Structure formats: C-alpha cells, structure tokens
Amino acid sequence: RNNQLVVMSACETGLGDIAGSEGVYGLQRAFKMAGSSYLIMSLWQVPDSETAEFMEYFYTELTRNKSLNEAFSSAQRAMRQKYDPYYWAAFVLVE
C-alpha cells in the first residue's frame, strides 16, 4: 500500500481486457487499487537494449532529485534524439 512508484518495463504491461462498463482490467488497475501513486508501463514490445537505456536515463534523472514527471520527460527527450518513437514511446507514466 501507498507505494510511490511501480515500474513494469516488460512488454505490453500497460494493456488489459475491457469488461463492459467496468473499464480496463489489468496490471495497471491492480496496482492503482493497491495504492500505487505512479506507474510506468509499456504499451508494446520494445527491444531489451532500448528498454534498459530508457530506464537508465529515467533513474539517473530521478536520482538527481528531479520529480517523476521531469525524470520521465528527460528520458523521453534523450531517447527521442537517438531513436524512432517505436523504441521509446511505448513507455507511459500514469498517475
């Protein structure tokens, strides 16, 4: 409970099943219901090396006392300069 951040860098962790008017069931919903404030997850399959690079940028910026949003945006900017969106845009930060 009350976990600040959950990072799910495995492929397609942000996807789920739609159940009528109940919304999307999946890992995202489970972690939010358990009290996690922020989630980082993937919407499609990203190669391991680019995933590792994205996460390295993110955690480096986070340890520099940047907010989660700032660290995530910085990682996106760094990856955008090197790669097509396929290699970094799958990762989303959900509050």
N, C-alpha and C. Protein backbone atom coordinates (compact mmCIF):
# COMPACT_ATOMS: atom_id res chain seq x y z
N ARG A 1 0.82 -1.20 0.00
CA ARG A 1 0.00 0.00 0.00
C ARG A 1 0.86 1.25 0.00
N ASN A 2 0.30 2.30 -0.58
CA ASN A 2 0.93 3.61 -0.61
C ASN A 2 2.32 3.59 -1.24
N ASN A 3 2.50 2.74 -2.22
CA ASN A 3 3.75 2.68 -2.96
C ASN A 3 3.81 3.90 -3.88
N GLN A 4 4.93 4.58 -3.90
CA GLN A 4 5.08 5.80 -4.72
C GLN A 4 5.17 5.47 -6.20
N LEU A 5 5.97 4.45 -6.58
CA LEU A 5 6.22 4.19 -7.99
C LEU A 5 6.35 2.69 -8.25
N VAL A 6 5.67 2.23 -9.29
CA VAL A 6 5.81 0.86 -9.79
C VAL A 6 6.27 0.98 -11.24
N VAL A 7 7.36 0.29 -11.58
CA VAL A 7 7.88 0.30 -12.95
C VAL A 7 7.75 -1.11 -13.51
N MET A 8 6.99 -1.22 -14.59
CA MET A 8 6.81 -2.50 -15.27
C MET A 8 7.37 -2.34 -16.68
N SER A 9 8.61 -2.70 -16.86
CA SER A 9 9.26 -2.48 -18.15
C SER A 9 9.11 -3.66 -19.10
N ALA A 10 8.45 -4.71 -18.67
CA ALA A 10 8.22 -5.86 -19.56
C ALA A 10 7.25 -5.46 -20.67
N CYS A 11 7.25 -6.22 -21.73
CA CYS A 11 6.42 -5.91 -22.91
C CYS A 11 4.93 -5.92 -22.61
N GLU A 12 4.25 -4.90 -23.06
CA GLU A 12 2.79 -4.79 -23.05
C GLU A 12 2.16 -4.86 -21.65
N THR A 13 2.89 -4.39 -20.63
CA THR A 13 2.35 -4.43 -19.27
C THR A 13 1.22 -3.42 -19.05
N GLY A 14 1.08 -2.46 -19.96
CA GLY A 14 0.04 -1.46 -19.83
C GLY A 14 -1.28 -1.86 -20.47
N LEU A 15 -1.30 -3.02 -21.08
CA LEU A 15 -2.52 -3.48 -21.74
C LEU A 15 -3.40 -4.25 -20.77
N GLY A 16 -4.67 -4.38 -21.11
CA GLY A 16 -5.59 -5.13 -20.27
C GLY A 16 -6.83 -5.49 -21.06
N ASP A 17 -7.77 -6.11 -20.39
CA ASP A 17 -9.02 -6.52 -21.02
C ASP A 17 -10.13 -5.55 -20.63
N ILE A 18 -10.98 -5.24 -21.59
CA ILE A 18 -12.13 -4.36 -21.33
C ILE A 18 -13.30 -5.23 -20.91
N ALA A 19 -13.92 -4.85 -19.78
CA ALA A 19 -15.03 -5.62 -19.25
C ALA A 19 -16.26 -4.73 -19.12
N GLY A 20 -17.03 -4.63 -20.19
CA GLY A 20 -18.27 -3.85 -20.17
C GLY A 20 -18.05 -2.43 -19.70
N SER A 21 -18.86 -1.99 -18.76
CA SER A 21 -18.75 -0.62 -18.26
C SER A 21 -17.79 -0.51 -17.08
N GLU A 22 -17.09 -1.60 -16.76
CA GLU A 22 -16.18 -1.60 -15.62
C GLU A 22 -14.81 -1.03 -15.95
N GLY A 23 -14.50 -0.82 -17.23
CA GLY A 23 -13.21 -0.27 -17.61
C GLY A 23 -12.22 -1.37 -17.97
N VAL A 24 -10.95 -1.03 -17.91
CA VAL A 24 -9.89 -1.96 -18.31
C VAL A 24 -9.38 -2.69 -17.09
N TYR A 25 -9.35 -4.02 -17.19
CA TYR A 25 -8.76 -4.86 -16.16
C TYR A 25 -7.36 -5.24 -16.58
N GLY A 26 -6.41 -5.07 -15.69
CA GLY A 26 -5.04 -5.44 -15.99
C GLY A 26 -4.14 -5.06 -14.82
N LEU A 27 -2.84 -5.13 -15.06
CA LEU A 27 -1.88 -4.80 -14.02
C LEU A 27 -2.02 -3.37 -13.54
N GLN A 28 -2.30 -2.46 -14.47
CA GLN A 28 -2.46 -1.05 -14.11
C GLN A 28 -3.54 -0.89 -13.04
N ARG A 29 -4.68 -1.45 -13.30
CA ARG A 29 -5.80 -1.32 -12.35
C ARG A 29 -5.47 -1.97 -11.01
N ALA A 30 -4.83 -3.12 -11.05
CA ALA A 30 -4.49 -3.83 -9.81
C ALA A 30 -3.53 -3.01 -8.94
N PHE A 31 -2.51 -2.44 -9.55
CA PHE A 31 -1.56 -1.64 -8.77
C PHE A 31 -2.18 -0.35 -8.27
N LYS A 32 -3.02 0.28 -9.07
CA LYS A 32 -3.69 1.51 -8.61
C LYS A 32 -4.63 1.21 -7.44
N MET A 33 -5.35 0.10 -7.53
CA MET A 33 -6.26 -0.27 -6.44
C MET A 33 -5.48 -0.64 -5.17
N ALA A 34 -4.24 -1.10 -5.35
CA ALA A 34 -3.41 -1.46 -4.20
C ALA A 34 -2.75 -0.23 -3.57
N GLY A 35 -2.91 0.94 -4.20
CA GLY A 35 -2.42 2.17 -3.59
C GLY A 35 -1.19 2.78 -4.23
N SER A 36 -0.74 2.28 -5.36
CA SER A 36 0.42 2.87 -6.03
C SER A 36 0.07 4.24 -6.61
N SER A 37 0.94 5.19 -6.41
CA SER A 37 0.68 6.55 -6.90
C SER A 37 0.99 6.70 -8.38
N TYR A 38 2.13 6.19 -8.82
CA TYR A 38 2.56 6.31 -10.21
C TYR A 38 2.93 4.95 -10.77
N LEU A 39 2.69 4.78 -12.06
CA LEU A 39 3.06 3.54 -12.76
C LEU A 39 3.78 3.92 -14.05
N ILE A 40 4.82 3.17 -14.35
CA ILE A 40 5.44 3.24 -15.67
C ILE A 40 5.25 1.87 -16.28
N MET A 41 4.70 1.84 -17.50
CA MET A 41 4.44 0.57 -18.15
C MET A 41 4.61 0.71 -19.65
N SER A 42 4.56 -0.42 -20.32
CA SER A 42 4.80 -0.48 -21.76
C SER A 42 3.53 -0.85 -22.50
N LEU A 43 3.29 -0.19 -23.63
CA LEU A 43 2.10 -0.47 -24.44
C LEU A 43 2.38 -1.44 -25.58
N TRP A 44 3.64 -1.66 -25.92
CA TRP A 44 4.00 -2.64 -26.94
C TRP A 44 5.39 -3.18 -26.64
N GLN A 45 5.82 -4.12 -27.45
CA GLN A 45 7.11 -4.77 -27.26
C GLN A 45 8.24 -3.84 -27.69
N VAL A 46 9.16 -3.59 -26.77
CA VAL A 46 10.33 -2.76 -27.03
C VAL A 46 11.56 -3.64 -26.82
N PRO A 47 12.55 -3.56 -27.72
CA PRO A 47 13.76 -4.37 -27.55
C PRO A 47 14.44 -4.12 -26.19
N ASP A 48 15.06 -5.16 -25.66
CA ASP A 48 15.67 -5.10 -24.33
C ASP A 48 16.72 -4.00 -24.20
N SER A 49 17.56 -3.83 -25.20
CA SER A 49 18.65 -2.84 -25.07
C SER A 49 18.09 -1.41 -24.97
N GLU A 50 17.08 -1.08 -25.76
CA GLU A 50 16.49 0.26 -25.69
C GLU A 50 15.67 0.44 -24.41
N THR A 51 15.04 -0.63 -23.95
CA THR A 51 14.33 -0.56 -22.66
C THR A 51 15.31 -0.25 -21.54
N ALA A 52 16.43 -0.96 -21.52
CA ALA A 52 17.44 -0.73 -20.49
C ALA A 52 17.98 0.69 -20.56
N GLU A 53 18.20 1.19 -21.76
CA GLU A 53 18.71 2.55 -21.94
C GLU A 53 17.70 3.58 -21.45
N PHE A 54 16.43 3.39 -21.79
CA PHE A 54 15.39 4.31 -21.33
C PHE A 54 15.35 4.34 -19.80
N MET A 55 15.37 3.15 -19.19
CA MET A 55 15.29 3.09 -17.72
C MET A 55 16.54 3.68 -17.07
N GLU A 56 17.68 3.52 -17.70
CA GLU A 56 18.89 4.12 -17.16
C GLU A 56 18.79 5.65 -17.18
N TYR A 57 18.33 6.21 -18.28
CA TYR A 57 18.11 7.66 -18.34
C TYR A 57 17.13 8.09 -17.25
N PHE A 58 16.02 7.37 -17.14
CA PHE A 58 14.98 7.73 -16.17
C PHE A 58 15.53 7.73 -14.74
N TYR A 59 16.16 6.63 -14.34
CA TYR A 59 16.64 6.54 -12.96
C TYR A 59 17.79 7.50 -12.68
N THR A 60 18.62 7.77 -13.67
CA THR A 60 19.69 8.75 -13.49
C THR A 60 19.10 10.11 -13.19
N GLU A 61 18.09 10.51 -13.96
CA GLU A 61 17.45 11.80 -13.73
C GLU A 61 16.70 11.82 -12.40
N LEU A 62 16.09 10.71 -12.04
CA LEU A 62 15.35 10.64 -10.78
C LEU A 62 16.29 10.79 -9.58
N THR A 63 17.48 10.21 -9.68
CA THR A 63 18.44 10.32 -8.57
C THR A 63 19.06 11.71 -8.49
N ARG A 64 18.86 12.52 -9.50
CA ARG A 64 19.32 13.92 -9.47
C ARG A 64 18.25 14.83 -8.85
N ASN A 65 17.36 14.22 -8.09
CA ASN A 65 16.29 14.92 -7.36
C ASN A 65 15.28 15.60 -8.26
N LYS A 66 15.10 15.07 -9.44
CA LYS A 66 14.03 15.56 -10.30
C LYS A 66 12.74 14.86 -9.91
N SER A 67 11.62 15.48 -10.20
CA SER A 67 10.33 14.83 -9.94
C SER A 67 10.17 13.65 -10.91
N LEU A 68 9.22 12.79 -10.63
CA LEU A 68 8.96 11.66 -11.52
C LEU A 68 8.61 12.15 -12.93
N ASN A 69 7.76 13.16 -13.01
CA ASN A 69 7.38 13.69 -14.33
C ASN A 69 8.58 14.27 -15.07
N GLU A 70 9.42 15.01 -14.37
CA GLU A 70 10.60 15.60 -15.01
C GLU A 70 11.59 14.53 -15.46
N ALA A 71 11.82 13.53 -14.62
CA ALA A 71 12.74 12.45 -14.96
C ALA A 71 12.24 11.66 -16.16
N PHE A 72 10.93 11.40 -16.20
CA PHE A 72 10.34 10.66 -17.31
C PHE A 72 10.45 11.47 -18.60
N SER A 73 10.14 12.74 -18.53
CA SER A 73 10.23 13.61 -19.72
C SER A 73 11.68 13.72 -20.21
N SER A 74 12.62 13.80 -19.30
CA SER A 74 14.03 13.86 -19.69
C SER A 74 14.46 12.58 -20.40
N ALA A 75 14.01 11.44 -19.90
CA ALA A 75 14.34 10.16 -20.55
C ALA A 75 13.73 10.12 -21.95
N GLN A 76 12.51 10.58 -22.09
CA GLN A 76 11.88 10.62 -23.41
C GLN A 76 12.66 11.52 -24.37
N ARG A 77 13.06 12.68 -23.90
CA ARG A 77 13.83 13.61 -24.75
C ARG A 77 15.14 12.99 -25.19
N ALA A 78 15.85 12.35 -24.27
CA ALA A 78 17.14 11.73 -24.60
C ALA A 78 16.95 10.63 -25.64
N MET A 79 15.92 9.81 -25.48
CA MET A 79 15.67 8.72 -26.42
C MET A 79 15.19 9.26 -27.76
N ARG A 80 14.42 10.32 -27.76
CA ARG A 80 13.90 10.92 -28.98
C ARG A 80 15.03 11.40 -29.88
N GLN A 81 16.12 11.85 -29.28
CA GLN A 81 17.26 12.33 -30.06
C GLN A 81 18.01 11.20 -30.76
N LYS A 82 17.85 9.97 -30.28
CA LYS A 82 18.62 8.84 -30.81
C LYS A 82 17.80 7.84 -31.62
N TYR A 83 16.50 7.72 -31.32
CA TYR A 83 15.71 6.63 -31.88
C TYR A 83 14.36 7.08 -32.41
N ASP A 84 13.79 6.25 -33.27
CA ASP A 84 12.41 6.42 -33.70
C ASP A 84 11.49 6.16 -32.50
N PRO A 85 10.27 6.70 -32.52
CA PRO A 85 9.35 6.50 -31.40
C PRO A 85 9.09 5.04 -31.03
N TYR A 86 9.18 4.13 -31.97
CA TYR A 86 8.97 2.72 -31.66
C TYR A 86 9.82 2.26 -30.48
N TYR A 87 11.02 2.82 -30.33
CA TYR A 87 11.98 2.37 -29.32
C TYR A 87 11.84 3.04 -27.97
N TRP A 88 10.95 4.02 -27.84
CA TRP A 88 10.81 4.68 -26.54
C TRP A 88 9.38 5.11 -26.20
N ALA A 89 8.54 5.34 -27.19
CA ALA A 89 7.20 5.88 -26.93
C ALA A 89 6.23 4.88 -26.33
N ALA A 90 6.61 3.62 -26.26
CA ALA A 90 5.73 2.61 -25.66
C ALA A 90 5.58 2.83 -24.16
N PHE A 91 6.57 3.49 -23.55
CA PHE A 91 6.54 3.68 -22.11
C PHE A 91 5.68 4.88 -21.74
N VAL A 92 4.76 4.65 -20.83
CA VAL A 92 3.86 5.70 -20.37
C VAL A 92 3.94 5.82 -18.85
N LEU A 93 3.79 7.04 -18.37
CA LEU A 93 3.76 7.31 -16.95
C LEU A 93 2.31 7.63 -16.60
N VAL A 94 1.74 6.87 -15.69
CA VAL A 94 0.34 7.04 -15.30
C VAL A 94 0.29 7.47 -13.84
N GLU A 95 -0.48 8.50 -13.58
CA GLU A 95 -0.66 8.97 -12.21
C GLU A 95 -2.00 8.51 -11.68
